Amino acid sequence: VLFYAYTKSLDYWINNKSMIPSNMILTASRGGRLDAKIDLYNLRESVVVFSESEAEEKNLIIDHDDSHAARPSLKNNSFALLIHGTQPKGTEAATALKILKRDKVKHSYSRKTKEAV
């Protein structure tokens, strides 16, 4: 069985790295107060981007369905996630989400249609 998770608990990850089983794939979720440790320890990360062009500028592949998050072969490869979820009205994130919806860009997936990875 393969397990995967996104985390901002970087100290816990770093301090317990030797205890993490090989079938547990962790991905640092950039956007927290410990982000400097992502670079310092060369951790695999996901970066939330507002557009496909932003992901391209950052040279990151967009993970539309968690397949990148769950693939052990990509254990050290970072990737992007398009902005998703509910965003505060009037923010840059809300505007980006509105544009993705308008342009019919896949930026999230339904739990009802999610396929096993």
PDB file of N, CA and C in Angstrom:
ATOM      1  N   VAL A   1       0.848  -1.168   0.000  1.00  0.00           N
ATOM      2  CA  VAL A   1       0.000   0.000   0.000  1.00  0.00           C
ATOM      3  C   VAL A   1       0.894   1.231   0.000  1.00  0.00           C
ATOM      4  N   LEU A   2       0.545   2.170  -0.850  1.00  0.00           N
ATOM      5  CA  LEU A   2       1.293   3.423  -0.936  1.00  0.00           C
ATOM      6  C   LEU A   2       0.522   4.526  -0.223  1.00  0.00           C
ATOM      7  N   PHE A   3       1.220   5.278   0.610  1.00  0.00           N
ATOM      8  CA  PHE A   3       0.627   6.419   1.306  1.00  0.00           C
ATOM      9  C   PHE A   3       1.334   7.678   0.832  1.00  0.00           C
ATOM     10  N   TYR A   4       0.578   8.762   0.718  1.00  0.00           N
ATOM     11  CA  TYR A   4       1.215  10.028   0.384  1.00  0.00           C
ATOM     12  C   TYR A   4       0.501  11.154   1.110  1.00  0.00           C
ATOM     13  N   ALA A   5       1.256  12.221   1.374  1.00  0.00           N
ATOM     14  CA  ALA A   5       0.679  13.336   2.126  1.00  0.00           C
ATOM     15  C   ALA A   5       1.417  14.624   1.794  1.00  0.00           C
ATOM     16  N   TYR A   6       0.676  15.714   1.892  1.00  0.00           N
ATOM     17  CA  TYR A   6       1.253  17.052   1.833  1.00  0.00           C
ATOM     18  C   TYR A   6       1.438  17.502   3.279  1.00  0.00           C
ATOM     19  N   THR A   7       2.515  18.246   3.557  1.00  0.00           N
ATOM     20  CA  THR A   7       2.734  18.682   4.932  1.00  0.00           C
ATOM     21  C   THR A   7       3.447  20.022   5.020  1.00  0.00           C
ATOM     22  N   LYS A   8       3.126  20.751   6.072  1.00  0.00           N
ATOM     23  CA  LYS A   8       3.865  21.943   6.462  1.00  0.00           C
ATOM     24  C   LYS A   8       4.643  21.649   7.752  1.00  0.00           C
ATOM     25  N   SER A   9       4.534  20.432   8.250  1.00  0.00           N
ATOM     26  CA  SER A   9       5.235  20.013   9.470  1.00  0.00           C
ATOM     27  C   SER A   9       6.656  19.586   9.115  1.00  0.00           C
ATOM     28  N   LEU A  10       7.421  20.534   8.642  1.00  0.00           N
ATOM     29  CA  LEU A  10       8.750  20.218   8.110  1.00  0.00           C
ATOM     30  C   LEU A  10       9.727  19.777   9.186  1.00  0.00           C
ATOM     31  N   ASP A  11       9.664  20.368  10.372  1.00  0.00           N
ATOM     32  CA  ASP A  11      10.564  19.930  11.447  1.00  0.00           C
ATOM     33  C   ASP A  11      10.332  18.462  11.791  1.00  0.00           C
ATOM     34  N   TYR A  12       9.076  18.064  11.876  1.00  0.00           N
ATOM     35  CA  TYR A  12       8.761  16.668  12.169  1.00  0.00           C
ATOM     36  C   TYR A  12       9.322  15.760  11.069  1.00  0.00           C
ATOM     37  N   TRP A  13       9.137  16.141   9.801  1.00  0.00           N
ATOM     38  CA  TRP A  13       9.636  15.366   8.673  1.00  0.00           C
ATOM     39  C   TRP A  13      11.158  15.244   8.749  1.00  0.00           C
ATOM     40  N   ILE A  14      11.829  16.366   8.886  1.00  0.00           N
ATOM     41  CA  ILE A  14      13.292  16.391   8.894  1.00  0.00           C
ATOM     42  C   ILE A  14      13.851  15.597  10.079  1.00  0.00           C
ATOM     43  N   ASN A  15      13.268  15.786  11.247  1.00  0.00           N
ATOM     44  CA  ASN A  15      13.776  15.119  12.452  1.00  0.00           C
ATOM     45  C   ASN A  15      13.481  13.624  12.487  1.00  0.00           C
ATOM     46  N   ASN A  16      12.553  13.159  11.663  1.00  0.00           N
ATOM     47  CA  ASN A  16      12.169  11.744  11.670  1.00  0.00           C
ATOM     48  C   ASN A  16      12.366  11.081  10.312  1.00  0.00           C
ATOM     49  N   LYS A  17      13.186  11.676   9.468  1.00  0.00           N
ATOM     50  CA  LYS A  17      13.367  11.190   8.100  1.00  0.00           C
ATOM     51  C   LYS A  17      13.730   9.700   8.039  1.00  0.00           C
ATOM     52  N   SER A  18      14.579   9.260   8.932  1.00  0.00           N
ATOM     53  CA  SER A  18      15.015   7.856   8.905  1.00  0.00           C
ATOM     54  C   SER A  18      13.903   6.889   9.304  1.00  0.00           C
ATOM     55  N   MET A  19      12.843   7.391   9.915  1.00  0.00           N
ATOM     56  CA  MET A  19      11.752   6.538  10.372  1.00  0.00           C
ATOM     57  C   MET A  19      10.581   6.485   9.392  1.00  0.00           C
ATOM     58  N   ILE A  20      10.650   7.279   8.330  1.00  0.00           N
ATOM     59  CA  ILE A  20       9.556   7.304   7.362  1.00  0.00           C
ATOM     60  C   ILE A  20       9.691   6.096   6.443  1.00  0.00           C
ATOM     61  N   PRO A  21       8.682   5.252   6.373  1.00  0.00           N
ATOM     62  CA  PRO A  21       8.784   4.047   5.542  1.00  0.00           C
ATOM     63  C   PRO A  21       8.855   4.383   4.055  1.00  0.00           C
ATOM     64  N   SER A  22       9.393   3.475   3.295  1.00  0.00           N
ATOM     65  CA  SER A  22       9.584   3.706   1.858  1.00  0.00           C
ATOM     66  C   SER A  22       8.265   3.832   1.099  1.00  0.00           C
ATOM     67  N   ASN A  23       7.179   3.351   1.669  1.00  0.00           N
ATOM     68  CA  ASN A  23       5.883   3.453   0.985  1.00  0.00           C
ATOM     69  C   ASN A  23       5.095   4.698   1.422  1.00  0.00           C
ATOM     70  N   MET A  24       5.777   5.635   2.098  1.00  0.00           N
ATOM     71  CA  MET A  24       5.174   6.912   2.511  1.00  0.00           C
ATOM     72  C   MET A  24       5.868   8.038   1.760  1.00  0.00           C
ATOM     73  N   ILE A  25       5.142   8.685   0.871  1.00  0.00           N
ATOM     74  CA  ILE A  25       5.700   9.754   0.051  1.00  0.00           C
ATOM     75  C   ILE A  25       5.217  11.089   0.603  1.00  0.00           C
ATOM     76  N   LEU A  26       6.152  11.913   1.066  1.00  0.00           N
ATOM     77  CA  LEU A  26       5.805  13.218   1.614  1.00  0.00           C
ATOM     78  C   LEU A  26       6.132  14.324   0.610  1.00  0.00           C
ATOM     79  N   THR A  27       5.319  15.354   0.641  1.00  0.00           N
ATOM     80  CA  THR A  27       5.524  16.536  -0.192  1.00  0.00           C
ATOM     81  C   THR A  27       5.347  17.758   0.692  1.00  0.00           C
ATOM     82  N   ALA A  28       6.366  18.608   0.730  1.00  0.00           N
ATOM     83  CA  ALA A  28       6.262  19.850   1.491  1.00  0.00           C
ATOM     84  C   ALA A  28       5.295  20.786   0.768  1.00  0.00           C
ATOM     85  N   SER A  29       4.445  21.405   1.523  1.00  0.00           N
ATOM     86  CA  SER A  29       3.485  22.347   0.963  1.00  0.00           C
ATOM     87  C   SER A  29       4.000  23.757   1.222  1.00  0.00           C
ATOM     88  N   ARG A  30       4.536  24.373   0.175  1.00  0.00           N
ATOM     89  CA  ARG A  30       5.116  25.713   0.327  1.00  0.00           C
ATOM     90  C   ARG A  30       4.020  26.706   0.689  1.00  0.00           C
ATOM     91  N   GLY A  31       4.402  27.656   1.535  1.00  0.00           N
ATOM     92  CA  GLY A  31       3.459  28.674   1.953  1.00  0.00           C
ATOM     93  C   GLY A  31       3.367  28.780   3.462  1.00  0.00           C
ATOM     94  N   GLY A  32       4.332  28.224   4.147  1.00  0.00           N
ATOM     95  CA  GLY A  32       4.333  28.257   5.603  1.00  0.00           C
ATOM     96  C   GLY A  32       5.539  29.000   6.152  1.00  0.00           C
ATOM     97  N   ARG A  33       5.629  29.069   7.460  1.00  0.00           N
ATOM     98  CA  ARG A  33       6.711  29.813   8.096  1.00  0.00           C
ATOM     99  C   ARG A  33       8.069  29.094   8.035  1.00  0.00           C
ATOM    100  N   LEU A  34       8.059  27.811   7.680  1.00  0.00           N
ATOM    101  CA  LEU A  34       9.308  27.040   7.621  1.00  0.00           C
ATOM    102  C   LEU A  34       9.789  26.804   6.182  1.00  0.00           C
ATOM    103  N   ASP A  35       9.293  27.586   5.237  1.00  0.00           N
ATOM    104  CA  ASP A  35       9.628  27.367   3.830  1.00  0.00           C
ATOM    105  C   ASP A  35      11.128  27.335   3.542  1.00  0.00           C
ATOM    106  N   ALA A  36      11.923  28.067   4.278  1.00  0.00           N
ATOM    107  CA  ALA A  36      13.375  28.079   4.044  1.00  0.00           C
ATOM    108  C   ALA A  36      13.967  26.678   4.191  1.00  0.00           C
ATOM    109  N   LYS A  37      13.346  25.845   4.999  1.00  0.00           N
ATOM    110  CA  LYS A  37      13.844  24.481   5.201  1.00  0.00           C
ATOM    111  C   LYS A  37      13.594  23.597   3.973  1.00  0.00           C
ATOM    112  N   ILE A  38      12.632  23.959   3.158  1.00  0.00           N
ATOM    113  CA  ILE A  38      12.391  23.199   1.929  1.00  0.00           C
ATOM    114  C   ILE A  38      13.636  23.252   1.061  1.00  0.00           C
ATOM    115  N   ASP A  39      14.190  24.453   0.914  1.00  0.00           N
ATOM    116  CA  ASP A  39      15.402  24.628   0.115  1.00  0.00           C
ATOM    117  C   ASP A  39      16.631  24.079   0.841  1.00  0.00           C
ATOM    118  N   LEU A  40      16.735  24.348   2.126  1.00  0.00           N
ATOM    119  CA  LEU A  40      17.892  23.918   2.917  1.00  0.00           C
ATOM    120  C   LEU A  40      18.063  22.403   2.894  1.00  0.00           C
ATOM    121  N   TYR A  41      16.951  21.658   2.990  1.00  0.00           N
ATOM    122  CA  TYR A  41      17.002  20.197   3.043  1.00  0.00           C
ATOM    123  C   TYR A  41      16.618  19.536   1.709  1.00  0.00           C
ATOM    124  N   ASN A  42      16.455  20.357   0.675  1.00  0.00           N
ATOM    125  CA  ASN A  42      16.131  19.857  -0.669  1.00  0.00           C
ATOM    126  C   ASN A  42      14.927  18.912  -0.639  1.00  0.00           C
ATOM    127  N   LEU A  43      13.841  19.388  -0.007  1.00  0.00           N
ATOM    128  CA  LEU A  43      12.636  18.583   0.100  1.00  0.00           C
ATOM    129  C   LEU A  43      11.778  18.733  -1.150  1.00  0.00           C
ATOM    130  N   ARG A  44      11.135  17.687  -1.510  1.00  0.00           N
ATOM    131  CA  ARG A  44      10.165  17.734  -2.601  1.00  0.00           C
ATOM    132  C   ARG A  44       9.016  18.623  -2.155  1.00  0.00           C
ATOM    133  N   GLU A  45       8.500  19.447  -3.071  1.00  0.00           N
ATOM    134  CA  GLU A  45       7.463  20.391  -2.671  1.00  0.00           C
ATOM    135  C   GLU A  45       6.383  20.548  -3.724  1.00  0.00           C
ATOM    136  N   SER A  46       5.235  21.021  -3.250  1.00  0.00           N
ATOM    137  CA  SER A  46       4.178  21.458  -4.154  1.00  0.00           C
ATOM    138  C   SER A  46       4.029  22.956  -3.954  1.00  0.00           C
ATOM    139  N   VAL A  47       3.806  23.638  -5.063  1.00  0.00           N
ATOM    140  CA  VAL A  47       3.647  25.090  -5.056  1.00  0.00           C
ATOM    141  C   VAL A  47       2.294  25.400  -5.672  1.00  0.00           C
ATOM    142  N   VAL A  48       1.466  26.142  -4.968  1.00  0.00           N
ATOM    143  CA  VAL A  48       0.178  26.548  -5.534  1.00  0.00           C
ATOM    144  C   VAL A  48       0.429  27.738  -6.446  1.00  0.00           C
ATOM    145  N   VAL A  49      -0.040  27.612  -7.689  1.00  0.00           N
ATOM    146  CA  VAL A  49       0.119  28.680  -8.684  1.00  0.00           C
ATOM    147  C   VAL A  49      -1.256  29.159  -9.125  1.00  0.00           C
ATOM    148  N   PHE A  50      -1.297  30.365  -9.655  1.00  0.00           N
ATOM    149  CA  PHE A  50      -2.555  30.977 -10.075  1.00  0.00           C
ATOM    150  C   PHE A  50      -2.905  30.698 -11.525  1.00  0.00           C
ATOM    151  N   SER A  51      -1.939  30.184 -12.307  1.00  0.00           N
ATOM    152  CA  SER A  51      -2.212  29.950 -13.725  1.00  0.00           C
ATOM    153  C   SER A  51      -1.247  28.913 -14.281  1.00  0.00           C
ATOM    154  N   GLU A  52      -1.605  28.386 -15.434  1.00  0.00           N
ATOM    155  CA  GLU A  52      -0.726  27.439 -16.120  1.00  0.00           C
ATOM    156  C   GLU A  52       0.573  28.131 -16.529  1.00  0.00           C
ATOM    157  N   SER A  53       0.479  29.396 -16.912  1.00  0.00           N
ATOM    158  CA  SER A  53       1.683  30.110 -17.328  1.00  0.00           C
ATOM    159  C   SER A  53       2.633  30.336 -16.144  1.00  0.00           C
ATOM    160  N   GLU A  54       2.087  30.537 -14.945  1.00  0.00           N
ATOM    161  CA  GLU A  54       2.945  30.693 -13.769  1.00  0.00           C
ATOM    162  C   GLU A  54       3.700  29.392 -13.491  1.00  0.00           C
ATOM    163  N   ALA A  55       3.024  28.267 -13.631  1.00  0.00           N
ATOM    164  CA  ALA A  55       3.691  26.973 -13.442  1.00  0.00           C
ATOM    165  C   ALA A  55       4.802  26.799 -14.472  1.00  0.00           C
ATOM    166  N   GLU A  56       4.510  27.186 -15.700  1.00  0.00           N
ATOM    167  CA  GLU A  56       5.508  27.075 -16.767  1.00  0.00           C
ATOM    168  C   GLU A  56       6.711  27.965 -16.474  1.00  0.00           C
ATOM    169  N   GLU A  57       6.465  29.191 -16.019  1.00  0.00           N
ATOM    170  CA  GLU A  57       7.553  30.111 -15.670  1.00  0.00           C
ATOM    171  C   GLU A  57       8.436  29.532 -14.564  1.00  0.00           C
ATOM    172  N   LYS A  58       7.831  28.796 -13.640  1.00  0.00           N
ATOM    173  CA  LYS A  58       8.565  28.201 -12.528  1.00  0.00           C
ATOM    174  C   LYS A  58       9.119  26.823 -12.885  1.00  0.00           C
ATOM    175  N   ASN A  59       8.887  26.411 -14.144  1.00  0.00           N
ATOM    176  CA  ASN A  59       9.367  25.123 -14.636  1.00  0.00           C
ATOM    177  C   ASN A  59       8.825  23.959 -13.801  1.00  0.00           C
ATOM    178  N   LEU A  60       7.522  24.039 -13.488  1.00  0.00           N
ATOM    179  CA  LEU A  60       6.869  23.001 -12.694  1.00  0.00           C
ATOM    180  C   LEU A  60       5.731  22.374 -13.489  1.00  0.00           C
ATOM    181  N   ILE A  61       5.593  21.073 -13.366  1.00  0.00           N
ATOM    182  CA  ILE A  61       4.478  20.351 -13.964  1.00  0.00           C
ATOM    183  C   ILE A  61       3.286  20.487 -13.023  1.00  0.00           C
ATOM    184  N   ILE A  62       2.099  20.687 -13.592  1.00  0.00           N
ATOM    185  CA  ILE A  62       0.890  20.782 -12.779  1.00  0.00           C
ATOM    186  C   ILE A  62       0.342  19.384 -12.510  1.00  0.00           C
ATOM    187  N   ASP A  63       0.073  19.115 -11.263  1.00  0.00           N
ATOM    188  CA  ASP A  63      -0.529  17.841 -10.857  1.00  0.00           C
ATOM    189  C   ASP A  63      -2.038  18.061 -10.751  1.00  0.00           C
ATOM    190  N   HIS A  64      -2.777  17.553 -11.716  1.00  0.00           N
ATOM    191  CA  HIS A  64      -4.220  17.749 -11.762  1.00  0.00           C
ATOM    192  C   HIS A  64      -4.999  16.706 -10.963  1.00  0.00           C
ATOM    193  N   ASP A  65      -4.354  15.606 -10.599  1.00  0.00           N
ATOM    194  CA  ASP A  65      -5.113  14.504 -10.010  1.00  0.00           C
ATOM    195  C   ASP A  65      -4.373  13.754  -8.886  1.00  0.00           C
ATOM    196  N   ASP A  66      -3.364  14.364  -8.319  1.00  0.00           N
ATOM    197  CA  ASP A  66      -2.540  13.769  -7.256  1.00  0.00           C
ATOM    198  C   ASP A  66      -1.637  12.639  -7.747  1.00  0.00           C
ATOM    199  N   SER A  67      -1.572  12.417  -9.037  1.00  0.00           N
ATOM    200  CA  SER A  67      -0.699  11.348  -9.529  1.00  0.00           C
ATOM    201  C   SER A  67       0.778  11.683  -9.294  1.00  0.00           C
ATOM    202  N   HIS A  68       1.150  12.947  -9.370  1.00  0.00           N
ATOM    203  CA  HIS A  68       2.539  13.327  -9.086  1.00  0.00           C
ATOM    204  C   HIS A  68       2.838  13.193  -7.595  1.00  0.00           C
ATOM    205  N   ALA A  69       1.871  13.551  -6.783  1.00  0.00           N
ATOM    206  CA  ALA A  69       2.055  13.464  -5.335  1.00  0.00           C
ATOM    207  C   ALA A  69       2.250  12.024  -4.886  1.00  0.00           C
ATOM    208  N   ALA A  70       1.630  11.094  -5.579  1.00  0.00           N
ATOM    209  CA  ALA A  70       1.626   9.701  -5.138  1.00  0.00           C
ATOM    210  C   ALA A  70       2.654   8.815  -5.837  1.00  0.00           C
ATOM    211  N   ARG A  71       3.418   9.356  -6.778  1.00  0.00           N
ATOM    212  CA  ARG A  71       4.349   8.499  -7.519  1.00  0.00           C
ATOM    213  C   ARG A  71       5.728   8.479  -6.876  1.00  0.00           C
ATOM    214  N   PRO A  72       6.123   7.333  -6.347  1.00  0.00           N
ATOM    215  CA  PRO A  72       7.448   7.232  -5.727  1.00  0.00           C
ATOM    216  C   PRO A  72       8.580   7.551  -6.694  1.00  0.00           C
ATOM    217  N   SER A  73       8.378   7.312  -7.981  1.00  0.00           N
ATOM    218  CA  SER A  73       9.431   7.605  -8.953  1.00  0.00           C
ATOM    219  C   SER A  73       9.691   9.101  -9.043  1.00  0.00           C
ATOM    220  N   LEU A  74       8.736   9.902  -8.571  1.00  0.00           N
ATOM    221  CA  LEU A  74       8.905  11.358  -8.562  1.00  0.00           C
ATOM    222  C   LEU A  74       9.188  11.865  -7.152  1.00  0.00           C
ATOM    223  N   LYS A  75       9.731  11.016  -6.321  1.00  0.00           N
ATOM    224  CA  LYS A  75       9.911  11.309  -4.899  1.00  0.00           C
ATOM    225  C   LYS A  75      10.626  12.632  -4.642  1.00  0.00           C
ATOM    226  N   ASN A  76      11.571  12.980  -5.476  1.00  0.00           N
ATOM    227  CA  ASN A  76      12.324  14.214  -5.251  1.00  0.00           C
ATOM    228  C   ASN A  76      11.959  15.313  -6.236  1.00  0.00           C
ATOM    229  N   ASN A  77      10.915  15.110  -7.017  1.00  0.00           N
ATOM    230  CA  ASN A  77      10.515  16.102  -8.004  1.00  0.00           C
ATOM    231  C   ASN A  77       9.371  16.961  -7.488  1.00  0.00           C
ATOM    232  N   SER A  78       9.569  18.255  -7.534  1.00  0.00           N
ATOM    233  CA  SER A  78       8.540  19.183  -7.113  1.00  0.00           C
ATOM    234  C   SER A  78       7.546  19.387  -8.248  1.00  0.00           C
ATOM    235  N   PHE A  79       6.376  19.912  -7.891  1.00  0.00           N
ATOM    236  CA  PHE A  79       5.328  20.123  -8.881  1.00  0.00           C
ATOM    237  C   PHE A  79       4.416  21.252  -8.418  1.00  0.00           C
ATOM    238  N   ALA A  80       3.509  21.642  -9.288  1.00  0.00           N
ATOM    239  CA  ALA A  80       2.578  22.726  -8.982  1.00  0.00           C
ATOM    240  C   ALA A  80       1.162  22.193  -8.837  1.00  0.00           C
ATOM    241  N   LEU A  81       0.371  22.926  -8.087  1.00  0.00           N
ATOM    242  CA  LEU A  81      -1.071  22.711  -7.999  1.00  0.00           C
ATOM    243  C   LEU A  81      -1.727  24.029  -8.374  1.00  0.00           C
ATOM    244  N   LEU A  82      -2.731  23.987  -9.231  1.00  0.00           N
ATOM    245  CA  LEU A  82      -3.459  25.205  -9.552  1.00  0.00           C
ATOM    246  C   LEU A  82      -4.302  25.626  -8.357  1.00  0.00           C
ATOM    247  N   ILE A  83      -4.454  26.916  -8.176  1.00  0.00           N
ATOM    248  CA  ILE A  83      -5.259  27.447  -7.078  1.00  0.00           C
ATOM    249  C   ILE A  83      -6.609  26.737  -7.058  1.00  0.00           C
ATOM    250  N   HIS A  84      -7.082  26.402  -5.871  1.00  0.00           N
ATOM    251  CA  HIS A  84      -8.309  25.626  -5.746  1.00  0.00           C
ATOM    252  C   HIS A  84      -8.980  25.966  -4.424  1.00  0.00           C
ATOM    253  N   GLY A  85     -10.127  25.399  -4.215  1.00  0.00           N
ATOM    254  CA  GLY A  85     -10.844  25.632  -2.971  1.00  0.00           C
ATOM    255  C   GLY A  85     -11.548  26.974  -2.970  1.00  0.00           C
ATOM    256  N   THR A  86     -11.942  27.414  -1.798  1.00  0.00           N
ATOM    257  CA  THR A  86     -12.608  28.704  -1.631  1.00  0.00           C
ATOM    258  C   THR A  86     -11.559  29.752  -1.308  1.00  0.00           C
ATOM    259  N   GLN A  87     -11.622  30.874  -1.995  1.00  0.00           N
ATOM    260  CA  GLN A  87     -10.660  31.947  -1.789  1.00  0.00           C
ATOM    261  C   GLN A  87     -11.394  33.200  -1.308  1.00  0.00           C
ATOM    262  N   PRO A  88     -10.760  34.002  -0.460  1.00  0.00           N
ATOM    263  CA  PRO A  88     -11.406  35.216   0.043  1.00  0.00           C
ATOM    264  C   PRO A  88     -11.753  36.189  -1.090  1.00  0.00           C
ATOM    265  N   LYS A  89     -12.959  36.702  -1.045  1.00  0.00           N
ATOM    266  CA  LYS A  89     -13.452  37.620  -2.064  1.00  0.00           C
ATOM    267  C   LYS A  89     -12.526  38.835  -2.182  1.00  0.00           C
ATOM    268  N   GLY A  90     -12.277  39.225  -3.436  1.00  0.00           N
ATOM    269  CA  GLY A  90     -11.477  40.412  -3.689  1.00  0.00           C
ATOM    270  C   GLY A  90      -9.980  40.194  -3.672  1.00  0.00           C
ATOM    271  N   THR A  91      -9.530  38.967  -3.453  1.00  0.00           N
ATOM    272  CA  THR A  91      -8.090  38.702  -3.417  1.00  0.00           C
ATOM    273  C   THR A  91      -7.589  38.298  -4.796  1.00  0.00           C
ATOM    274  N   GLU A  92      -6.284  38.350  -4.954  1.00  0.00           N
ATOM    275  CA  GLU A  92      -5.659  37.912  -6.203  1.00  0.00           C
ATOM    276  C   GLU A  92      -5.975  36.437  -6.469  1.00  0.00           C
ATOM    277  N   ALA A  93      -6.006  35.647  -5.403  1.00  0.00           N
ATOM    278  CA  ALA A  93      -6.315  34.219  -5.535  1.00  0.00           C
ATOM    279  C   ALA A  93      -7.737  34.012  -6.045  1.00  0.00           C
ATOM    280  N   ALA A  94      -8.687  34.788  -5.536  1.00  0.00           N
ATOM    281  CA  ALA A  94     -10.083  34.679  -5.980  1.00  0.00           C
ATOM    282  C   ALA A  94     -10.209  35.050  -7.454  1.00  0.00           C
ATOM    283  N   THR A  95      -9.499  36.083  -7.855  1.00  0.00           N
ATOM    284  CA  THR A  95      -9.513  36.494  -9.268  1.00  0.00           C
ATOM    285  C   THR A  95      -8.917  35.407 -10.154  1.00  0.00           C
ATOM    286  N   ALA A  96      -7.808  34.820  -9.710  1.00  0.00           N
ATOM    287  CA  ALA A  96      -7.174  33.743 -10.472  1.00  0.00           C
ATOM    288  C   ALA A  96      -8.109  32.550 -10.613  1.00  0.00           C
ATOM    289  N   LEU A  97      -8.805  32.210  -9.537  1.00  0.00           N
ATOM    290  CA  LEU A  97      -9.745  31.092  -9.556  1.00  0.00           C
ATOM    291  C   LEU A  97     -10.893  31.375 -10.521  1.00  0.00           C
ATOM    292  N   LYS A  98     -11.376  32.590 -10.524  1.00  0.00           N
ATOM    293  CA  LYS A  98     -12.456  32.983 -11.426  1.00  0.00           C
ATOM    294  C   LYS A  98     -12.018  32.849 -12.889  1.00  0.00           C
ATOM    295  N   ILE A  99     -10.781  33.224 -13.179  1.00  0.00           N
ATOM    296  CA  ILE A  99     -10.253  33.118 -14.548  1.00  0.00           C
ATOM    297  C   ILE A  99     -10.126  31.650 -14.956  1.00  0.00           C
ATOM    298  N   LEU A 100      -9.639  30.803 -14.053  1.00  0.00           N
ATOM    299  CA  LEU A 100      -9.533  29.376 -14.363  1.00  0.00           C
ATOM    300  C   LEU A 100     -10.905  28.789 -14.677  1.00  0.00           C
ATOM    301  N   LYS A 101     -11.901  29.152 -13.877  1.00  0.00           N
ATOM    302  CA  LYS A 101     -13.264  28.658 -14.117  1.00  0.00           C
ATOM    303  C   LYS A 101     -13.806  29.177 -15.441  1.00  0.00           C
ATOM    304  N   ARG A 102     -13.596  30.460 -15.693  1.00  0.00           N
ATOM    305  CA  ARG A 102     -14.071  31.064 -16.942  1.00  0.00           C
ATOM    306  C   ARG A 102     -13.458  30.368 -18.160  1.00  0.00           C
ATOM    307  N   ASP A 103     -12.173  30.085 -18.071  1.00  0.00           N
ATOM    308  CA  ASP A 103     -11.456  29.471 -19.191  1.00  0.00           C
ATOM    309  C   ASP A 103     -11.572  27.952 -19.204  1.00  0.00           C
ATOM    310  N   LYS A 104     -12.351  27.403 -18.263  1.00  0.00           N
ATOM    311  CA  LYS A 104     -12.592  25.957 -18.167  1.00  0.00           C
ATOM    312  C   LYS A 104     -11.292  25.152 -18.030  1.00  0.00           C
ATOM    313  N   VAL A 105     -10.377  25.684 -17.234  1.00  0.00           N
ATOM    314  CA  VAL A 105      -9.120  25.001 -16.960  1.00  0.00           C
ATOM    315  C   VAL A 105      -9.345  24.079 -15.767  1.00  0.00           C
ATOM    316  N   LYS A 106      -8.978  22.815 -15.929  1.00  0.00           N
ATOM    317  CA  LYS A 106      -9.129  21.861 -14.823  1.00  0.00           C
ATOM    318  C   LYS A 106      -8.192  22.289 -13.694  1.00  0.00           C
ATOM    319  N   HIS A 107      -8.779  22.652 -12.555  1.00  0.00           N
ATOM    320  CA  HIS A 107      -7.969  23.137 -11.439  1.00  0.00           C
ATOM    321  C   HIS A 107      -8.276  22.396 -10.140  1.00  0.00           C
ATOM    322  N   SER A 108      -9.194  21.479 -10.194  1.00  0.00           N
ATOM    323  CA  SER A 108      -9.509  20.630  -9.044  1.00  0.00           C
ATOM    324  C   SER A 108     -10.192  19.391  -9.576  1.00  0.00           C
ATOM    325  N   TYR A 109     -10.475  18.466  -8.717  1.00  0.00           N
ATOM    326  CA  TYR A 109     -11.169  17.262  -9.158  1.00  0.00           C
ATOM    327  C   TYR A 109     -12.230  16.900  -8.140  1.00  0.00           C
ATOM    328  N   SER A 110     -13.246  16.288  -8.615  1.00  0.00           N
ATOM    329  CA  SER A 110     -14.353  15.868  -7.761  1.00  0.00           C
ATOM    330  C   SER A 110     -13.992  14.566  -7.087  1.00  0.00           C
ATOM    331  N   ARG A 111     -14.349  14.411  -5.842  1.00  0.00           N
ATOM    332  CA  ARG A 111     -14.110  13.151  -5.145  1.00  0.00           C
ATOM    333  C   ARG A 111     -14.907  12.028  -5.777  1.00  0.00           C
ATOM    334  N   LYS A 112     -16.026  12.376  -6.401  1.00  0.00           N
ATOM    335  CA  LYS A 112     -16.873  11.373  -7.041  1.00  0.00           C
ATOM    336  C   LYS A 112     -16.218  10.783  -8.278  1.00  0.00           C
ATOM    337  N   THR A 113     -15.395  11.561  -8.968  1.00  0.00           N
ATOM    338  CA  THR A 113     -14.802  11.089 -10.215  1.00  0.00           C
ATOM    339  C   THR A 113     -13.314  10.780 -10.095  1.00  0.00           C
ATOM    340  N   LYS A 114     -12.741  10.958  -8.929  1.00  0.00           N
ATOM    341  CA  LYS A 114     -11.312  10.702  -8.760  1.00  0.00           C
ATOM    342  C   LYS A 114     -11.007   9.226  -8.967  1.00  0.00           C
ATOM    343  N   GLU A 115     -10.016   8.992  -9.786  1.00  0.00           N
ATOM    344  CA  GLU A 115      -9.582   7.620 -10.046  1.00  0.00           C
ATOM    345  C   GLU A 115      -8.453   7.271  -9.111  1.00  0.00           C
ATOM    346  N   ALA A 116      -8.314   6.012  -8.833  1.00  0.00           N
ATOM    347  CA  ALA A 116      -7.200   5.551  -8.003  1.00  0.00           C
ATOM    348  C   ALA A 116      -5.899   5.798  -8.731  1.00  0.00           C
ATOM    349  N   VAL A 117      -4.878   6.211  -7.978  1.00  0.00           N
ATOM    350  CA  VAL A 117      -3.567   6.464  -8.573  1.00  0.00           C
ATOM    351  C   VAL A 117      -2.635   5.320  -8.303  1.00  0.00           C
TER     352      VAL A 117
END
